Full PDB file with SEQRES, HELIX, SHEET, SSBOND, CRYST1, ORIGX, SCALE, CONECT and MASTER records, all heavy atoms in Angstrom:
SEQRES   1 A   33  LEU THR LEU PHE ALA LYS ALA GLN ASP LEU LYS ASP ALA          
SEQRES   2 A   33  LEU ARG MET GLU GLU SER ILE TRP ALA LYS PHE ARG GLN          
SEQRES   3 A   33  VAL VAL THR ASP THR PRO ASP                                  
HELIX    1 AA1 GLN A    8  VAL A   28  1                                  21    
CRYST1    1.000    1.000    1.000  90.00  90.00  90.00 P 1           1          
ORIGX1      1.000000  0.000000  0.000000        0.00000                         
ORIGX2      0.000000  1.000000  0.000000        0.00000                         
ORIGX3      0.000000  0.000000  1.000000        0.00000                         
SCALE1      1.000000  0.000000  0.000000        0.00000                         
SCALE2      0.000000  1.000000  0.000000        0.00000                         
SCALE3      0.000000  0.000000  1.000000        0.00000                         
ATOM      1  N   LEU A   1      -3.667  -9.955   0.311  1.00  0.00           N  
ATOM      2  CA  LEU A   1      -2.246 -10.257   0.514  1.00  0.00           C  
ATOM      3  C   LEU A   1      -1.832 -10.005   1.959  1.00  0.00           C  
ATOM      4  O   LEU A   1      -1.044 -10.763   2.527  1.00  0.00           O  
ATOM      5  CB  LEU A   1      -1.381  -9.433  -0.448  1.00  0.00           C  
ATOM      6  CG  LEU A   1      -1.489  -9.832  -1.909  1.00  0.00           C  
ATOM      7  CD1 LEU A   1      -0.882  -8.764  -2.805  1.00  0.00           C  
ATOM      8  CD2 LEU A   1      -0.827 -11.188  -2.149  1.00  0.00           C  
ATOM      9  N   THR A   2      -2.365  -8.967   2.556  1.00  0.00           N  
ATOM     10  CA  THR A   2      -2.052  -8.661   3.949  1.00  0.00           C  
ATOM     11  C   THR A   2      -2.540  -9.779   4.867  1.00  0.00           C  
ATOM     12  O   THR A   2      -1.837 -10.179   5.799  1.00  0.00           O  
ATOM     13  CB  THR A   2      -2.679  -7.310   4.351  1.00  0.00           C  
ATOM     14  OG1 THR A   2      -2.147  -6.299   3.485  1.00  0.00           O  
ATOM     15  CG2 THR A   2      -2.362  -6.951   5.783  1.00  0.00           C  
ATOM     16  N   LEU A   3      -3.720 -10.295   4.588  1.00  0.00           N  
ATOM     17  CA  LEU A   3      -4.230 -11.421   5.381  1.00  0.00           C  
ATOM     18  C   LEU A   3      -3.438 -12.703   5.135  1.00  0.00           C  
ATOM     19  O   LEU A   3      -3.283 -13.529   6.033  1.00  0.00           O  
ATOM     20  CB  LEU A   3      -5.706 -11.662   5.074  1.00  0.00           C  
ATOM     21  CG  LEU A   3      -6.675 -10.577   5.533  1.00  0.00           C  
ATOM     22  CD1 LEU A   3      -8.095 -10.902   5.076  1.00  0.00           C  
ATOM     23  CD2 LEU A   3      -6.635 -10.391   7.038  1.00  0.00           C  
ATOM     24  N   PHE A   4      -2.926 -12.867   3.922  1.00  0.00           N  
ATOM     25  CA  PHE A   4      -2.178 -14.074   3.547  1.00  0.00           C  
ATOM     26  C   PHE A   4      -0.779 -14.092   4.157  1.00  0.00           C  
ATOM     27  O   PHE A   4      -0.256 -15.146   4.496  1.00  0.00           O  
ATOM     28  CB  PHE A   4      -2.076 -14.158   2.021  1.00  0.00           C  
ATOM     29  CG  PHE A   4      -1.270 -15.333   1.527  1.00  0.00           C  
ATOM     30  CD1 PHE A   4      -1.846 -16.590   1.425  1.00  0.00           C  
ATOM     31  CD2 PHE A   4       0.055 -15.178   1.159  1.00  0.00           C  
ATOM     32  CE1 PHE A   4      -1.108 -17.675   0.980  1.00  0.00           C  
ATOM     33  CE2 PHE A   4       0.801 -16.257   0.701  1.00  0.00           C  
ATOM     34  CZ  PHE A   4       0.206 -17.511   0.606  1.00  0.00           C  
ATOM     35  N   ALA A   5      -0.166 -12.923   4.307  1.00  0.00           N  
ATOM     36  CA  ALA A   5       1.244 -12.817   4.702  1.00  0.00           C  
ATOM     37  C   ALA A   5       1.503 -13.408   6.081  1.00  0.00           C  
ATOM     38  O   ALA A   5       0.807 -13.102   7.043  1.00  0.00           O  
ATOM     39  CB  ALA A   5       1.684 -11.363   4.664  1.00  0.00           C  
ATOM     40  N   LYS A   6       2.524 -14.227   6.150  1.00  0.00           N  
ATOM     41  CA  LYS A   6       2.958 -14.807   7.425  1.00  0.00           C  
ATOM     42  C   LYS A   6       4.372 -14.337   7.783  1.00  0.00           C  
ATOM     43  O   LYS A   6       4.646 -14.030   8.930  1.00  0.00           O  
ATOM     44  CB  LYS A   6       2.942 -16.342   7.352  1.00  0.00           C  
ATOM     45  CG  LYS A   6       1.591 -16.936   7.012  1.00  0.00           C  
ATOM     46  CD  LYS A   6       0.585 -16.762   8.119  1.00  0.00           C  
ATOM     47  CE  LYS A   6      -0.729 -17.408   7.792  1.00  0.00           C  
ATOM     48  NZ  LYS A   6      -1.792 -16.508   7.473  1.00  0.00           N  
ATOM     49  N   ALA A   7       5.261 -14.306   6.800  1.00  0.00           N  
ATOM     50  CA  ALA A   7       6.660 -13.938   7.046  1.00  0.00           C  
ATOM     51  C   ALA A   7       6.775 -12.441   7.341  1.00  0.00           C  
ATOM     52  O   ALA A   7       6.100 -11.623   6.711  1.00  0.00           O  
ATOM     53  CB  ALA A   7       7.516 -14.307   5.842  1.00  0.00           C  
ATOM     54  N   GLN A   8       7.637 -12.096   8.292  1.00  0.00           N  
ATOM     55  CA  GLN A   8       7.780 -10.705   8.707  1.00  0.00           C  
ATOM     56  C   GLN A   8       8.260  -9.807   7.579  1.00  0.00           C  
ATOM     57  O   GLN A   8       7.772  -8.694   7.415  1.00  0.00           O  
ATOM     58  CB  GLN A   8       8.733 -10.593   9.910  1.00  0.00           C  
ATOM     59  CG  GLN A   8       8.744  -9.214  10.533  1.00  0.00           C  
ATOM     60  CD  GLN A   8       7.371  -8.771  11.021  1.00  0.00           C  
ATOM     61  OE1 GLN A   8       6.680  -9.520  11.723  1.00  0.00           O  
ATOM     62  NE2 GLN A   8       6.947  -7.571  10.671  1.00  0.00           N  
ATOM     63  N   ASP A   9       9.204 -10.275   6.765  1.00  0.00           N  
ATOM     64  CA  ASP A   9       9.703  -9.427   5.672  1.00  0.00           C  
ATOM     65  C   ASP A   9       8.607  -9.135   4.649  1.00  0.00           C  
ATOM     66  O   ASP A   9       8.535  -8.035   4.101  1.00  0.00           O  
ATOM     67  CB  ASP A   9      10.947 -10.016   5.006  1.00  0.00           C  
ATOM     68  CG  ASP A   9      10.693 -11.352   4.322  1.00  0.00           C  
ATOM     69  OD1 ASP A   9       9.751 -12.083   4.717  1.00  0.00           O  
ATOM     70  OD2 ASP A   9      11.455 -11.679   3.392  1.00  0.00           O  
ATOM     71  N   LEU A  10       7.727 -10.089   4.434  1.00  0.00           N  
ATOM     72  CA  LEU A  10       6.594  -9.885   3.532  1.00  0.00           C  
ATOM     73  C   LEU A  10       5.599  -8.897   4.151  1.00  0.00           C  
ATOM     74  O   LEU A  10       5.101  -8.000   3.466  1.00  0.00           O  
ATOM     75  CB  LEU A  10       5.912 -11.216   3.209  1.00  0.00           C  
ATOM     76  CG  LEU A  10       4.682 -11.161   2.308  1.00  0.00           C  
ATOM     77  CD1 LEU A  10       5.005 -10.501   0.968  1.00  0.00           C  
ATOM     78  CD2 LEU A  10       4.121 -12.560   2.093  1.00  0.00           C  
ATOM     79  N   LYS A  11       5.333  -9.048   5.427  1.00  0.00           N  
ATOM     80  CA  LYS A  11       4.439  -8.111   6.118  1.00  0.00           C  
ATOM     81  C   LYS A  11       4.994  -6.690   6.046  1.00  0.00           C  
ATOM     82  O   LYS A  11       4.243  -5.729   5.822  1.00  0.00           O  
ATOM     83  CB  LYS A  11       4.244  -8.520   7.576  1.00  0.00           C  
ATOM     84  CG  LYS A  11       3.404  -9.761   7.762  1.00  0.00           C  
ATOM     85  CD  LYS A  11       3.292 -10.103   9.240  1.00  0.00           C  
ATOM     86  CE  LYS A  11       2.494 -11.372   9.439  1.00  0.00           C  
ATOM     87  NZ  LYS A  11       2.326 -11.688  10.863  1.00  0.00           N  
ATOM     88  N   ASP A  12       6.301  -6.554   6.232  1.00  0.00           N  
ATOM     89  CA  ASP A  12       6.941  -5.232   6.160  1.00  0.00           C  
ATOM     90  C   ASP A  12       6.800  -4.634   4.761  1.00  0.00           C  
ATOM     91  O   ASP A  12       6.497  -3.445   4.617  1.00  0.00           O  
ATOM     92  CB  ASP A  12       8.421  -5.317   6.544  1.00  0.00           C  
ATOM     93  CG  ASP A  12       8.633  -5.658   8.010  1.00  0.00           C  
ATOM     94  OD1 ASP A  12       7.680  -5.518   8.821  1.00  0.00           O  
ATOM     95  OD2 ASP A  12       9.758  -6.082   8.351  1.00  0.00           O  
ATOM     96  N   ALA A  13       7.024  -5.446   3.739  1.00  0.00           N  
ATOM     97  CA  ALA A  13       6.896  -4.970   2.352  1.00  0.00           C  
ATOM     98  C   ALA A  13       5.451  -4.561   2.061  1.00  0.00           C  
ATOM     99  O   ALA A  13       5.214  -3.543   1.395  1.00  0.00           O  
ATOM    100  CB  ALA A  13       7.366  -6.049   1.378  1.00  0.00           C  
ATOM    101  N   LEU A  14       4.503  -5.322   2.566  1.00  0.00           N  
ATOM    102  CA  LEU A  14       3.093  -4.982   2.351  1.00  0.00           C  
ATOM    103  C   LEU A  14       2.702  -3.700   3.096  1.00  0.00           C  
ATOM    104  O   LEU A  14       1.907  -2.912   2.593  1.00  0.00           O  
ATOM    105  CB  LEU A  14       2.187  -6.145   2.755  1.00  0.00           C  
ATOM    106  CG  LEU A  14       2.196  -7.298   1.748  1.00  0.00           C  
ATOM    107  CD1 LEU A  14       1.625  -8.572   2.370  1.00  0.00           C  
ATOM    108  CD2 LEU A  14       1.444  -6.931   0.484  1.00  0.00           C  
ATOM    109  N   ARG A  15       3.279  -3.484   4.278  1.00  0.00           N  
ATOM    110  CA  ARG A  15       3.030  -2.216   4.981  1.00  0.00           C  
ATOM    111  C   ARG A  15       3.569  -1.040   4.166  1.00  0.00           C  
ATOM    112  O   ARG A  15       2.946   0.013   4.083  1.00  0.00           O  
ATOM    113  CB  ARG A  15       3.652  -2.231   6.377  1.00  0.00           C  
ATOM    114  CG  ARG A  15       2.712  -2.782   7.426  1.00  0.00           C  
ATOM    115  CD  ARG A  15       3.176  -2.470   8.834  1.00  0.00           C  
ATOM    116  NE  ARG A  15       4.329  -3.242   9.249  1.00  0.00           N  
ATOM    117  CZ  ARG A  15       4.280  -4.512   9.653  1.00  0.00           C  
ATOM    118  NH1 ARG A  15       3.138  -5.136   9.703  1.00  0.00           N  
ATOM    119  NH2 ARG A  15       5.371  -5.130  10.014  1.00  0.00           N  
ATOM    120  N   MET A  16       4.724  -1.236   3.552  1.00  0.00           N  
ATOM    121  CA  MET A  16       5.295  -0.195   2.697  1.00  0.00           C  
ATOM    122  C   MET A  16       4.394   0.031   1.484  1.00  0.00           C  
ATOM    123  O   MET A  16       4.129   1.172   1.092  1.00  0.00           O  
ATOM    124  CB  MET A  16       6.695  -0.584   2.240  1.00  0.00           C  
ATOM    125  CG  MET A  16       7.335   0.420   1.303  1.00  0.00           C  
ATOM    126  SD  MET A  16       7.643   2.033   2.049  1.00  0.00           S  
ATOM    127  CE  MET A  16       9.046   1.629   3.059  1.00  0.00           C  
ATOM    128  N   GLU A  17       3.896  -1.044   0.891  1.00  0.00           N  
ATOM    129  CA  GLU A  17       2.987  -0.921  -0.246  1.00  0.00           C  
ATOM    130  C   GLU A  17       1.714  -0.179   0.167  1.00  0.00           C  
ATOM    131  O   GLU A  17       1.232   0.686  -0.569  1.00  0.00           O  
ATOM    132  CB  GLU A  17       2.636  -2.298  -0.824  1.00  0.00           C  
ATOM    133  CG  GLU A  17       1.815  -2.219  -2.087  1.00  0.00           C  
ATOM    134  CD  GLU A  17       1.628  -3.549  -2.790  1.00  0.00           C  
ATOM    135  OE1 GLU A  17       2.003  -4.613  -2.238  1.00  0.00           O  
ATOM    136  OE2 GLU A  17       1.092  -3.537  -3.909  1.00  0.00           O  
ATOM    137  N   GLU A  18       1.187  -0.492   1.335  1.00  0.00           N  
ATOM    138  CA  GLU A  18      -0.004   0.199   1.834  1.00  0.00           C  
ATOM    139  C   GLU A  18       0.250   1.700   1.998  1.00  0.00           C  
ATOM    140  O   GLU A  18      -0.605   2.523   1.675  1.00  0.00           O  
ATOM    141  CB  GLU A  18      -0.453  -0.384   3.176  1.00  0.00           C  
ATOM    142  CG  GLU A  18      -1.127  -1.722   3.058  1.00  0.00           C  
ATOM    143  CD  GLU A  18      -1.432  -2.358   4.412  1.00  0.00           C  
ATOM    144  OE1 GLU A  18      -0.885  -1.913   5.454  1.00  0.00           O  
ATOM    145  OE2 GLU A  18      -2.219  -3.308   4.425  1.00  0.00           O  
ATOM    146  N   SER A  19       1.431   2.039   2.499  1.00  0.00           N  
ATOM    147  CA  SER A  19       1.781   3.445   2.707  1.00  0.00           C  
ATOM    148  C   SER A  19       1.878   4.194   1.376  1.00  0.00           C  
ATOM    149  O   SER A  19       1.316   5.290   1.215  1.00  0.00           O  
ATOM    150  CB  SER A  19       3.113   3.526   3.458  1.00  0.00           C  
ATOM    151  OG  SER A  19       3.557   4.845   3.544  1.00  0.00           O  
ATOM    152  N   ILE A  20       2.566   3.595   0.413  1.00  0.00           N  
ATOM    153  CA  ILE A  20       2.697   4.213  -0.912  1.00  0.00           C  
ATOM    154  C   ILE A  20       1.322   4.291  -1.580  1.00  0.00           C  
ATOM    155  O   ILE A  20       0.964   5.299  -2.189  1.00  0.00           O  
ATOM    156  CB  ILE A  20       3.702   3.430  -1.777  1.00  0.00           C  
ATOM    157  CG1 ILE A  20       5.109   3.555  -1.180  1.00  0.00           C  
ATOM    158  CG2 ILE A  20       3.691   3.921  -3.223  1.00  0.00           C  
ATOM    159  CD1 ILE A  20       6.132   2.603  -1.783  1.00  0.00           C  
ATOM    160  N   TRP A  21       0.524   3.235  -1.441  1.00  0.00           N  
ATOM    161  CA  TRP A  21      -0.808   3.183  -2.031  1.00  0.00           C  
ATOM    162  C   TRP A  21      -1.700   4.284  -1.463  1.00  0.00           C  
ATOM    163  O   TRP A  21      -2.437   4.934  -2.207  1.00  0.00           O  
ATOM    164  CB  TRP A  21      -1.423   1.805  -1.814  1.00  0.00           C  
ATOM    165  CG  TRP A  21      -2.886   1.701  -2.118  1.00  0.00           C  
ATOM    166  CD1 TRP A  21      -3.848   1.249  -1.272  1.00  0.00           C  
ATOM    167  CD2 TRP A  21      -3.564   2.022  -3.341  1.00  0.00           C  
ATOM    168  NE1 TRP A  21      -5.079   1.270  -1.896  1.00  0.00           N  
ATOM    169  CE2 TRP A  21      -4.927   1.741  -3.166  1.00  0.00           C  
ATOM    170  CE3 TRP A  21      -3.140   2.522  -4.562  1.00  0.00           C  
ATOM    171  CZ2 TRP A  21      -5.881   1.946  -4.156  1.00  0.00           C  
ATOM    172  CZ3 TRP A  21      -4.087   2.730  -5.562  1.00  0.00           C  
ATOM    173  CH2 TRP A  21      -5.437   2.443  -5.351  1.00  0.00           C  
ATOM    174  N   ALA A  22      -1.639   4.507  -0.159  1.00  0.00           N  
ATOM    175  CA  ALA A  22      -2.484   5.529   0.468  1.00  0.00           C  
ATOM    176  C   ALA A  22      -2.204   6.903  -0.138  1.00  0.00           C  
ATOM    177  O   ALA A  22      -3.139   7.648  -0.467  1.00  0.00           O  
ATOM    178  CB  ALA A  22      -2.264   5.547   1.976  1.00  0.00           C  
ATOM    179  N   LYS A  23      -0.940   7.235  -0.312  1.00  0.00           N  
ATOM    180  CA  LYS A  23      -0.569   8.532  -0.904  1.00  0.00           C  
ATOM    181  C   LYS A  23      -0.971   8.589  -2.377  1.00  0.00           C  
ATOM    182  O   LYS A  23      -1.518   9.587  -2.844  1.00  0.00           O  
ATOM    183  CB  LYS A  23       0.937   8.763  -0.778  1.00  0.00           C  
ATOM    184  CG  LYS A  23       1.408   8.969   0.631  1.00  0.00           C  
ATOM    185  CD  LYS A  23       2.922   9.088   0.655  1.00  0.00           C  
ATOM    186  CE  LYS A  23       3.447   8.845   2.056  1.00  0.00           C  
ATOM    187  NZ  LYS A  23       4.897   8.684   2.081  1.00  0.00           N  
ATOM    188  N   PHE A  24      -0.692   7.516  -3.092  1.00  0.00           N  
ATOM    189  CA  PHE A  24      -0.991   7.457  -4.521  1.00  0.00           C  
ATOM    190  C   PHE A  24      -2.486   7.539  -4.768  1.00  0.00           C  
ATOM    191  O   PHE A  24      -2.953   8.306  -5.616  1.00  0.00           O  
ATOM    192  CB  PHE A  24      -0.417   6.164  -5.109  1.00  0.00           C  
ATOM    193  CG  PHE A  24      -0.613   6.015  -6.596  1.00  0.00           C  
ATOM    194  CD1 PHE A  24       0.052   6.831  -7.486  1.00  0.00           C  
ATOM    195  CD2 PHE A  24      -1.464   5.043  -7.101  1.00  0.00           C  
ATOM    196  CE1 PHE A  24      -0.112   6.682  -8.857  1.00  0.00           C  
ATOM    197  CE2 PHE A  24      -1.634   4.890  -8.473  1.00  0.00           C  
ATOM    198  CZ  PHE A  24      -0.955   5.718  -9.344  1.00  0.00           C  
ATOM    199  N   ARG A  25      -3.250   6.768  -4.012  1.00  0.00           N  
ATOM    200  CA  ARG A  25      -4.697   6.740  -4.203  1.00  0.00           C  
ATOM    201  C   ARG A  25      -5.321   8.106  -3.973  1.00  0.00           C  
ATOM    202  O   ARG A  25      -6.224   8.515  -4.696  1.00  0.00           O  
ATOM    203  CB  ARG A  25      -5.339   5.711  -3.276  1.00  0.00           C  
ATOM    204  CG  ARG A  25      -6.846   5.588  -3.518  1.00  0.00           C  
ATOM    205  CD  ARG A  25      -7.462   4.493  -2.745  1.00  0.00           C  
ATOM    206  NE  ARG A  25      -7.500   4.840  -1.341  1.00  0.00           N  
ATOM    207  CZ  ARG A  25      -7.925   4.041  -0.387  1.00  0.00           C  
ATOM    208  NH1 ARG A  25      -8.323   2.826  -0.681  1.00  0.00           N  
ATOM    209  NH2 ARG A  25      -7.941   4.428   0.856  1.00  0.00           N  
ATOM    210  N   GLN A  26      -4.812   8.825  -2.996  1.00  0.00           N  
ATOM    211  CA  GLN A  26      -5.346  10.152  -2.694  1.00  0.00           C  
ATOM    212  C   GLN A  26      -5.203  11.087  -3.899  1.00  0.00           C  
ATOM    213  O   GLN A  26      -6.124  11.821  -4.231  1.00  0.00           O  
ATOM    214  CB  GLN A  26      -4.617  10.731  -1.486  1.00  0.00           C  
ATOM    215  CG  GLN A  26      -5.200  12.008  -0.964  1.00  0.00           C  
ATOM    216  CD  GLN A  26      -4.524  12.430   0.325  1.00  0.00           C  
ATOM    217  OE1 GLN A  26      -3.386  12.075   0.604  1.00  0.00           O  
ATOM    218  NE2 GLN A  26      -5.230  13.202   1.123  1.00  0.00           N  
ATOM    219  N   VAL A  27      -4.066  11.021  -4.576  1.00  0.00           N  
ATOM    220  CA  VAL A  27      -3.832  11.893  -5.727  1.00  0.00           C  
ATOM    221  C   VAL A  27      -4.505  11.357  -6.986  1.00  0.00           C  
ATOM    222  O   VAL A  27      -5.156  12.095  -7.721  1.00  0.00           O  
ATOM    223  CB  VAL A  27      -2.310  12.076  -5.971  1.00  0.00           C  
ATOM    224  CG1 VAL A  27      -2.054  12.927  -7.203  1.00  0.00           C  
ATOM    225  CG2 VAL A  27      -1.649  12.703  -4.750  1.00  0.00           C  
ATOM    226  N   VAL A  28      -4.380  10.051  -7.246  1.00  0.00           N  
ATOM    227  CA  VAL A  28      -4.851   9.483  -8.509  1.00  0.00           C  
ATOM    228  C   VAL A  28      -6.370   9.478  -8.623  1.00  0.00           C  
ATOM    229  O   VAL A  28      -6.906   9.504  -9.726  1.00  0.00           O  
ATOM    230  CB  VAL A  28      -4.250   8.080  -8.746  1.00  0.00           C  
ATOM    231  CG1 VAL A  28      -5.016   6.992  -8.020  1.00  0.00           C  
ATOM    232  CG2 VAL A  28      -4.159   7.752 -10.218  1.00  0.00           C  
ATOM    233  N   THR A  29      -7.064   9.474  -7.505  1.00  0.00           N  
ATOM    234  CA  THR A  29      -8.526   9.470  -7.565  1.00  0.00           C  
ATOM    235  C   THR A  29      -9.112  10.877  -7.462  1.00  0.00           C  
ATOM    236  O   THR A  29     -10.326  11.039  -7.510  1.00  0.00           O  
ATOM    237  CB  THR A  29      -9.133   8.570  -6.466  1.00  0.00           C  
ATOM    238  OG1 THR A  29      -8.681   9.022  -5.192  1.00  0.00           O  
ATOM    239  CG2 THR A  29      -8.751   7.123  -6.680  1.00  0.00           C  
ATOM    240  N   ASP A  30      -8.248  11.873  -7.345  1.00  0.00           N  
ATOM    241  CA  ASP A  30      -8.695  13.259  -7.307  1.00  0.00           C  
ATOM    242  C   ASP A  30      -8.879  13.764  -8.746  1.00  0.00           C  
ATOM    243  O   ASP A  30      -8.499  13.093  -9.708  1.00  0.00           O  
ATOM    244  CB  ASP A  30      -7.661  14.116  -6.575  1.00  0.00           C  
ATOM    245  CG  ASP A  30      -8.232  15.408  -6.033  1.00  0.00           C  
ATOM    246  OD1 ASP A  30      -9.454  15.623  -6.157  1.00  0.00           O  
ATOM    247  OD2 ASP A  30      -7.452  16.207  -5.486  1.00  0.00           O  
ATOM    248  N   THR A  31      -9.435  14.940  -8.890  1.00  0.00           N  
ATOM    249  CA  THR A  31      -9.595  15.538 -10.219  1.00  0.00           C  
ATOM    250  C   THR A  31      -8.211  15.725 -10.839  1.00  0.00           C  
ATOM    251  O   THR A  31      -7.338  16.327 -10.214  1.00  0.00           O  
ATOM    252  CB  THR A  31     -10.312  16.899 -10.108  1.00  0.00           C  
ATOM    253  OG1 THR A  31     -11.568  16.693  -9.465  1.00  0.00           O  
ATOM    254  CG2 THR A  31     -10.522  17.520 -11.473  1.00  0.00           C  
ATOM    255  N   PRO A  32      -7.999  15.184 -12.033  1.00  0.00           N  
ATOM    256  CA  PRO A  32      -6.676  15.292 -12.657  1.00  0.00           C  
ATOM    257  C   PRO A  32      -6.218  16.743 -12.833  1.00  0.00           C  
ATOM    258  O   PRO A  32      -6.998  17.619 -13.184  1.00  0.00           O  
ATOM    259  CB  PRO A  32      -6.862  14.622 -14.014  1.00  0.00           C  
ATOM    260  CG  PRO A  32      -7.971  13.660 -13.786  1.00  0.00           C  
ATOM    261  CD  PRO A  32      -8.895  14.366 -12.833  1.00  0.00           C  
ATOM    262  N   ASP A  33      -4.956  16.930 -12.555  1.00  0.00           N  
ATOM    263  CA  ASP A  33      -4.317  18.233 -12.647  1.00  0.00           C  
ATOM    264  C   ASP A  33      -2.990  18.017 -13.360  1.00  0.00           C  
ATOM    265  O   ASP A  33      -2.160  17.225 -12.904  1.00  0.00           O  
ATOM    266  CB  ASP A  33      -4.112  18.789 -11.237  1.00  0.00           C  
ATOM    267  CG  ASP A  33      -3.392  20.116 -11.195  1.00  0.00           C  
ATOM    268  OD1 ASP A  33      -2.981  20.623 -12.259  1.00  0.00           O  
ATOM    269  OD2 ASP A  33      -3.228  20.649 -10.083  1.00  0.00           O  
TER     270      ASP A  33                                                      
MASTER        0    0    0    1    0    0    0    6  269    1    0    3          
END                                                                             
């Protein structure tokens, strides 16, 4: 999707998704607590 995006608002939304994903992935792939 990041490679596909052309419009700036879409790129901005995908950057936000990447940021949320980075935090989420760090916790969700760790040993469950």
